[in-house]
Amino acid sequence: MGEVPLSEVRELLSIKKDQYKLVGHLKSRLLDPSIALINRTTDIEVTHSPYEPSRKVASFIFDIHKAAAPPRLSPIPPSTSISEASTPLGKKYQSIGIKEMEFTYPRKHDTS
């Protein structure tokens, strides 16, 4: 478990001063989706909570540990490409040069 000041979170994530001015937007649009992806696709489990000594968020408390079971990943089916996935994450992967064969989705659980 570790406490990271809000200013350091912004610096580590290269967030400009005019971006995510509201901490709620930073949390819901950046931290929550990123942490959900980490939890779904890696053997790491991350949780976080804001630390508010007054009415203003001063820092985030992160708890990072090894997950009980590693995620089960499967490659994208041959009929699907990153561009067909058309997700912001897929586009980001393409922009940094990750090839389709390296791009994987978590396997969906059979609920039947």
N, C-alpha and C. Protein backbone atom coordinates (compact mmCIF):
# COMPACT_ATOMS: atom_id res chain seq x y z
N MET A 1 0.85 -1.16 0.00
CA MET A 1 0.00 0.00 0.00
C MET A 1 0.90 1.23 0.00
N GLY A 2 0.50 2.23 -0.79
CA GLY A 2 1.29 3.45 -0.86
C GLY A 2 0.44 4.66 -1.16
N GLU A 3 0.85 5.76 -0.60
CA GLU A 3 0.14 7.02 -0.81
C GLU A 3 0.93 7.87 -1.79
N VAL A 4 0.25 8.34 -2.84
CA VAL A 4 0.89 9.15 -3.86
C VAL A 4 0.16 10.49 -3.93
N PRO A 5 0.87 11.59 -3.67
CA PRO A 5 0.23 12.91 -3.74
C PRO A 5 -0.37 13.16 -5.13
N LEU A 6 -1.46 13.89 -5.17
CA LEU A 6 -2.14 14.20 -6.43
C LEU A 6 -1.19 14.85 -7.43
N SER A 7 -0.35 15.74 -6.98
CA SER A 7 0.60 16.40 -7.89
C SER A 7 1.55 15.38 -8.53
N GLU A 8 1.95 14.37 -7.77
CA GLU A 8 2.85 13.34 -8.31
C GLU A 8 2.11 12.42 -9.27
N VAL A 9 0.85 12.11 -8.98
CA VAL A 9 0.03 11.31 -9.91
C VAL A 9 -0.02 12.03 -11.26
N ARG A 10 -0.32 13.33 -11.22
CA ARG A 10 -0.39 14.12 -12.46
C ARG A 10 0.96 14.12 -13.19
N GLU A 11 2.05 14.24 -12.44
CA GLU A 11 3.38 14.25 -13.05
C GLU A 11 3.73 12.89 -13.65
N LEU A 12 3.47 11.82 -12.92
CA LEU A 12 3.79 10.47 -13.40
C LEU A 12 3.01 10.11 -14.66
N LEU A 13 1.78 10.61 -14.76
CA LEU A 13 0.94 10.31 -15.91
C LEU A 13 1.04 11.36 -17.02
N SER A 14 1.97 12.31 -16.86
CA SER A 14 2.20 13.39 -17.84
C SER A 14 0.91 14.14 -18.15
N ILE A 15 0.17 14.48 -17.12
CA ILE A 15 -1.07 15.23 -17.28
C ILE A 15 -0.76 16.71 -17.21
N LYS A 16 -1.15 17.43 -18.24
CA LYS A 16 -0.92 18.87 -18.27
C LYS A 16 -1.88 19.58 -17.31
N LYS A 17 -1.53 20.78 -16.93
CA LYS A 17 -2.34 21.53 -15.95
C LYS A 17 -3.75 21.80 -16.44
N ASP A 18 -3.95 21.91 -17.75
CA ASP A 18 -5.28 22.19 -18.27
C ASP A 18 -6.09 20.91 -18.54
N GLN A 19 -5.53 19.74 -18.23
CA GLN A 19 -6.23 18.47 -18.42
C GLN A 19 -6.73 17.95 -17.07
N TYR A 20 -7.89 17.34 -17.09
CA TYR A 20 -8.46 16.71 -15.88
C TYR A 20 -8.38 17.64 -14.67
N LYS A 21 -8.94 18.84 -14.83
CA LYS A 21 -8.93 19.80 -13.73
C LYS A 21 -9.71 19.29 -12.53
N LEU A 22 -10.78 18.53 -12.79
CA LEU A 22 -11.57 17.96 -11.70
C LEU A 22 -11.03 16.57 -11.37
N VAL A 23 -10.76 16.33 -10.11
CA VAL A 23 -10.21 15.05 -9.68
C VAL A 23 -11.17 13.91 -10.03
N GLY A 24 -12.47 14.18 -9.97
CA GLY A 24 -13.45 13.15 -10.34
C GLY A 24 -13.29 12.69 -11.77
N HIS A 25 -12.96 13.62 -12.68
CA HIS A 25 -12.73 13.26 -14.08
C HIS A 25 -11.44 12.46 -14.21
N LEU A 26 -10.41 12.86 -13.51
CA LEU A 26 -9.15 12.12 -13.52
C LEU A 26 -9.38 10.68 -13.09
N LYS A 27 -10.15 10.53 -12.03
CA LYS A 27 -10.43 9.20 -11.49
C LYS A 27 -11.29 8.38 -12.43
N SER A 28 -12.41 8.94 -12.90
CA SER A 28 -13.36 8.16 -13.70
C SER A 28 -12.91 7.94 -15.14
N ARG A 29 -12.14 8.87 -15.69
CA ARG A 29 -11.76 8.76 -17.09
C ARG A 29 -10.37 8.18 -17.33
N LEU A 30 -9.54 8.20 -16.29
CA LEU A 30 -8.17 7.75 -16.49
C LEU A 30 -7.79 6.63 -15.52
N LEU A 31 -7.89 6.89 -14.22
CA LEU A 31 -7.45 5.90 -13.24
C LEU A 31 -8.33 4.65 -13.24
N ASP A 32 -9.66 4.82 -13.14
CA ASP A 32 -10.55 3.66 -13.05
C ASP A 32 -10.43 2.72 -14.26
N PRO A 33 -10.50 3.24 -15.51
CA PRO A 33 -10.37 2.34 -16.65
C PRO A 33 -8.99 1.68 -16.74
N SER A 34 -7.95 2.43 -16.42
CA SER A 34 -6.59 1.87 -16.49
C SER A 34 -6.40 0.76 -15.46
N ILE A 35 -6.87 1.01 -14.25
CA ILE A 35 -6.74 0.00 -13.20
C ILE A 35 -7.60 -1.22 -13.51
N ALA A 36 -8.79 -1.01 -14.07
CA ALA A 36 -9.64 -2.14 -14.46
C ALA A 36 -8.93 -2.99 -15.51
N LEU A 37 -8.26 -2.36 -16.47
CA LEU A 37 -7.53 -3.10 -17.50
C LEU A 37 -6.37 -3.88 -16.88
N ILE A 38 -5.64 -3.26 -15.98
CA ILE A 38 -4.55 -3.96 -15.29
C ILE A 38 -5.08 -5.17 -14.55
N ASN A 39 -6.18 -5.00 -13.83
CA ASN A 39 -6.75 -6.10 -13.05
C ASN A 39 -7.26 -7.23 -13.94
N ARG A 40 -7.80 -6.89 -15.11
CA ARG A 40 -8.35 -7.91 -16.02
C ARG A 40 -7.28 -8.66 -16.79
N THR A 41 -6.17 -8.02 -17.09
CA THR A 41 -5.22 -8.60 -18.04
C THR A 41 -3.86 -8.96 -17.47
N THR A 42 -3.63 -8.73 -16.19
CA THR A 42 -2.33 -9.09 -15.61
C THR A 42 -2.54 -9.91 -14.35
N ASP A 43 -1.45 -10.38 -13.79
CA ASP A 43 -1.53 -11.12 -12.53
C ASP A 43 -1.36 -10.17 -11.34
N ILE A 44 -1.59 -8.89 -11.58
CA ILE A 44 -1.50 -7.87 -10.53
C ILE A 44 -2.91 -7.37 -10.23
N GLU A 45 -3.19 -7.15 -8.97
CA GLU A 45 -4.47 -6.56 -8.59
C GLU A 45 -4.19 -5.22 -7.93
N VAL A 46 -4.85 -4.18 -8.44
CA VAL A 46 -4.65 -2.82 -7.96
C VAL A 46 -5.99 -2.28 -7.46
N THR A 47 -5.96 -1.65 -6.31
CA THR A 47 -7.12 -0.89 -5.82
C THR A 47 -6.61 0.50 -5.45
N HIS A 48 -7.52 1.45 -5.45
CA HIS A 48 -7.13 2.81 -5.09
C HIS A 48 -8.29 3.52 -4.42
N SER A 49 -7.94 4.50 -3.62
CA SER A 49 -8.96 5.33 -2.99
C SER A 49 -8.36 6.72 -2.76
N PRO A 50 -9.20 7.74 -2.85
CA PRO A 50 -8.69 9.09 -2.62
C PRO A 50 -8.50 9.34 -1.13
N TYR A 51 -7.49 10.11 -0.79
CA TYR A 51 -7.28 10.53 0.59
C TYR A 51 -7.67 11.99 0.66
N GLU A 52 -8.67 12.28 1.48
CA GLU A 52 -9.21 13.63 1.60
C GLU A 52 -9.13 14.10 3.04
N PRO A 53 -8.02 14.76 3.43
CA PRO A 53 -7.91 15.23 4.81
C PRO A 53 -8.92 16.36 5.11
N SER A 54 -9.34 17.04 4.05
CA SER A 54 -10.39 18.05 4.18
C SER A 54 -11.40 17.72 3.09
N ARG A 55 -11.98 18.69 2.44
CA ARG A 55 -12.93 18.42 1.37
C ARG A 55 -12.23 18.24 0.02
N LYS A 56 -10.93 18.40 -0.01
CA LYS A 56 -10.17 18.34 -1.24
C LYS A 56 -9.27 17.10 -1.25
N VAL A 57 -9.22 16.41 -2.40
CA VAL A 57 -8.37 15.23 -2.53
C VAL A 57 -6.92 15.67 -2.52
N ALA A 58 -6.15 15.13 -1.60
CA ALA A 58 -4.73 15.48 -1.49
C ALA A 58 -3.85 14.43 -2.14
N SER A 59 -4.32 13.17 -2.13
CA SER A 59 -3.51 12.08 -2.67
C SER A 59 -4.40 10.88 -2.95
N PHE A 60 -3.80 9.88 -3.57
CA PHE A 60 -4.48 8.60 -3.78
C PHE A 60 -3.69 7.54 -3.03
N ILE A 61 -4.40 6.63 -2.44
CA ILE A 61 -3.77 5.49 -1.76
C ILE A 61 -3.95 4.28 -2.67
N PHE A 62 -2.84 3.70 -3.10
CA PHE A 62 -2.86 2.54 -3.99
C PHE A 62 -2.45 1.30 -3.22
N ASP A 63 -3.17 0.23 -3.46
CA ASP A 63 -2.83 -1.07 -2.89
C ASP A 63 -2.57 -1.99 -4.08
N ILE A 64 -1.36 -2.50 -4.18
CA ILE A 64 -0.96 -3.32 -5.32
C ILE A 64 -0.42 -4.64 -4.79
N HIS A 65 -0.99 -5.74 -5.27
CA HIS A 65 -0.50 -7.06 -4.88
C HIS A 65 -0.76 -8.07 -5.99
N LYS A 66 -0.16 -9.22 -5.84
CA LYS A 66 -0.32 -10.29 -6.83
C LYS A 66 -1.72 -10.86 -6.71
N ALA A 67 -2.38 -11.02 -7.85
CA ALA A 67 -3.75 -11.56 -7.88
C ALA A 67 -3.74 -13.04 -7.52
N ALA A 68 -4.86 -13.51 -7.01
CA ALA A 68 -4.98 -14.91 -6.61
C ALA A 68 -4.79 -15.86 -7.79
N ALA A 69 -5.40 -15.53 -8.93
CA ALA A 69 -5.26 -16.37 -10.12
C ALA A 69 -4.90 -15.49 -11.31
N PRO A 70 -3.97 -15.93 -12.14
CA PRO A 70 -3.61 -15.12 -13.31
C PRO A 70 -4.78 -15.07 -14.29
N PRO A 71 -4.89 -13.99 -15.05
CA PRO A 71 -5.98 -13.90 -16.02
C PRO A 71 -5.78 -14.89 -17.16
N ARG A 72 -6.87 -15.28 -17.77
CA ARG A 72 -6.81 -16.17 -18.93
C ARG A 72 -7.01 -15.30 -20.16
N LEU A 73 -5.98 -15.22 -20.98
CA LEU A 73 -6.03 -14.38 -22.17
C LEU A 73 -6.12 -15.24 -23.41
N SER A 74 -6.78 -14.72 -24.40
CA SER A 74 -6.82 -15.39 -25.69
C SER A 74 -6.54 -14.35 -26.76
N PRO A 75 -5.90 -14.78 -27.87
CA PRO A 75 -5.63 -13.80 -28.93
C PRO A 75 -6.93 -13.38 -29.60
N ILE A 76 -6.86 -12.26 -30.30
CA ILE A 76 -8.02 -11.81 -31.08
C ILE A 76 -8.31 -12.88 -32.12
N PRO A 77 -9.57 -13.22 -32.31
CA PRO A 77 -9.89 -14.20 -33.36
C PRO A 77 -9.33 -13.73 -34.71
N PRO A 78 -8.94 -14.66 -35.58
CA PRO A 78 -8.32 -14.28 -36.86
C PRO A 78 -9.17 -13.31 -37.68
N SER A 79 -10.48 -13.34 -37.52
CA SER A 79 -11.35 -12.48 -38.31
C SER A 79 -11.42 -11.05 -37.76
N THR A 80 -10.78 -10.79 -36.64
CA THR A 80 -10.84 -9.47 -36.02
C THR A 80 -9.45 -8.85 -35.99
N SER A 81 -9.37 -7.60 -36.38
CA SER A 81 -8.09 -6.90 -36.31
C SER A 81 -8.22 -5.77 -35.31
N ILE A 82 -7.09 -5.19 -34.95
CA ILE A 82 -7.10 -4.08 -34.00
C ILE A 82 -7.98 -2.95 -34.54
N SER A 83 -7.86 -2.65 -35.82
CA SER A 83 -8.65 -1.54 -36.38
C SER A 83 -10.13 -1.87 -36.33
N GLU A 84 -10.50 -3.14 -36.48
CA GLU A 84 -11.91 -3.52 -36.39
C GLU A 84 -12.41 -3.40 -34.95
N ALA A 85 -11.52 -3.60 -34.00
CA ALA A 85 -11.92 -3.46 -32.61
C ALA A 85 -12.33 -2.02 -32.34
N SER A 86 -11.74 -1.08 -33.04
CA SER A 86 -12.03 0.36 -32.97
C SER A 86 -12.24 0.89 -31.56
N THR A 87 -11.42 0.46 -30.64
CA THR A 87 -11.48 0.98 -29.29
C THR A 87 -10.35 2.00 -29.13
N PRO A 88 -10.51 2.94 -28.21
CA PRO A 88 -9.41 3.88 -27.98
C PRO A 88 -8.11 3.16 -27.62
N LEU A 89 -8.22 2.07 -26.85
CA LEU A 89 -7.03 1.34 -26.46
C LEU A 89 -6.40 0.67 -27.68
N GLY A 90 -7.23 0.09 -28.55
CA GLY A 90 -6.72 -0.53 -29.77
C GLY A 90 -5.99 0.47 -30.64
N LYS A 91 -6.56 1.66 -30.77
CA LYS A 91 -5.92 2.71 -31.56
C LYS A 91 -4.60 3.14 -30.92
N LYS A 92 -4.58 3.20 -29.60
CA LYS A 92 -3.35 3.58 -28.89
C LYS A 92 -2.27 2.52 -29.12
N TYR A 93 -2.65 1.22 -29.03
CA TYR A 93 -1.70 0.15 -29.28
C TYR A 93 -1.12 0.28 -30.70
N GLN A 94 -2.00 0.54 -31.67
CA GLN A 94 -1.52 0.68 -33.04
C GLN A 94 -0.54 1.84 -33.15
N SER A 95 -0.85 2.95 -32.47
CA SER A 95 0.00 4.14 -32.59
C SER A 95 1.40 3.93 -32.01
N ILE A 96 1.54 2.98 -31.08
CA ILE A 96 2.87 2.73 -30.49
C ILE A 96 3.53 1.48 -31.08
N GLY A 97 2.89 0.91 -32.13
CA GLY A 97 3.53 -0.16 -32.87
C GLY A 97 3.29 -1.57 -32.37
N ILE A 98 2.28 -1.79 -31.54
CA ILE A 98 1.98 -3.16 -31.11
C ILE A 98 1.22 -3.84 -32.24
N LYS A 99 1.71 -5.01 -32.64
CA LYS A 99 1.13 -5.73 -33.76
C LYS A 99 -0.11 -6.50 -33.31
N GLU A 100 -0.94 -6.83 -34.28
CA GLU A 100 -2.19 -7.53 -33.99
C GLU A 100 -1.97 -8.83 -33.23
N MET A 101 -0.93 -9.55 -33.57
CA MET A 101 -0.68 -10.84 -32.92
C MET A 101 -0.34 -10.66 -31.44
N GLU A 102 0.14 -9.49 -31.06
CA GLU A 102 0.49 -9.23 -29.67
C GLU A 102 -0.69 -8.68 -28.87
N PHE A 103 -1.75 -8.28 -29.56
CA PHE A 103 -2.90 -7.64 -28.94
C PHE A 103 -3.88 -8.72 -28.51
N THR A 104 -4.16 -8.83 -27.21
CA THR A 104 -5.05 -9.88 -26.72
C THR A 104 -6.18 -9.31 -25.89
N TYR A 105 -7.26 -10.03 -25.85
CA TYR A 105 -8.41 -9.68 -25.02
C TYR A 105 -8.55 -10.72 -23.92
N PRO A 106 -9.10 -10.36 -22.77
CA PRO A 106 -9.39 -11.38 -21.77
C PRO A 106 -10.46 -12.33 -22.31
N ARG A 107 -10.33 -13.59 -22.00
CA ARG A 107 -11.31 -14.58 -22.44
C ARG A 107 -12.60 -14.38 -21.65
N LYS A 108 -13.73 -14.37 -22.34
CA LYS A 108 -15.01 -14.18 -21.66
C LYS A 108 -15.41 -15.48 -20.96
N HIS A 109 -15.98 -15.33 -19.78
CA HIS A 109 -16.42 -16.50 -19.02
C HIS A 109 -17.73 -17.01 -19.56
N ASP A 110 -17.86 -18.31 -19.65
CA ASP A 110 -19.10 -18.92 -20.13
C ASP A 110 -20.09 -18.93 -18.98
N THR A 111 -21.21 -18.24 -19.15
CA THR A 111 -22.20 -18.14 -18.07
C THR A 111 -23.36 -19.11 -18.27
N SER A 112 -23.29 -19.96 -19.29
CA SER A 112 -24.40 -20.89 -19.50
C SER A 112 -24.24 -22.17 -18.74
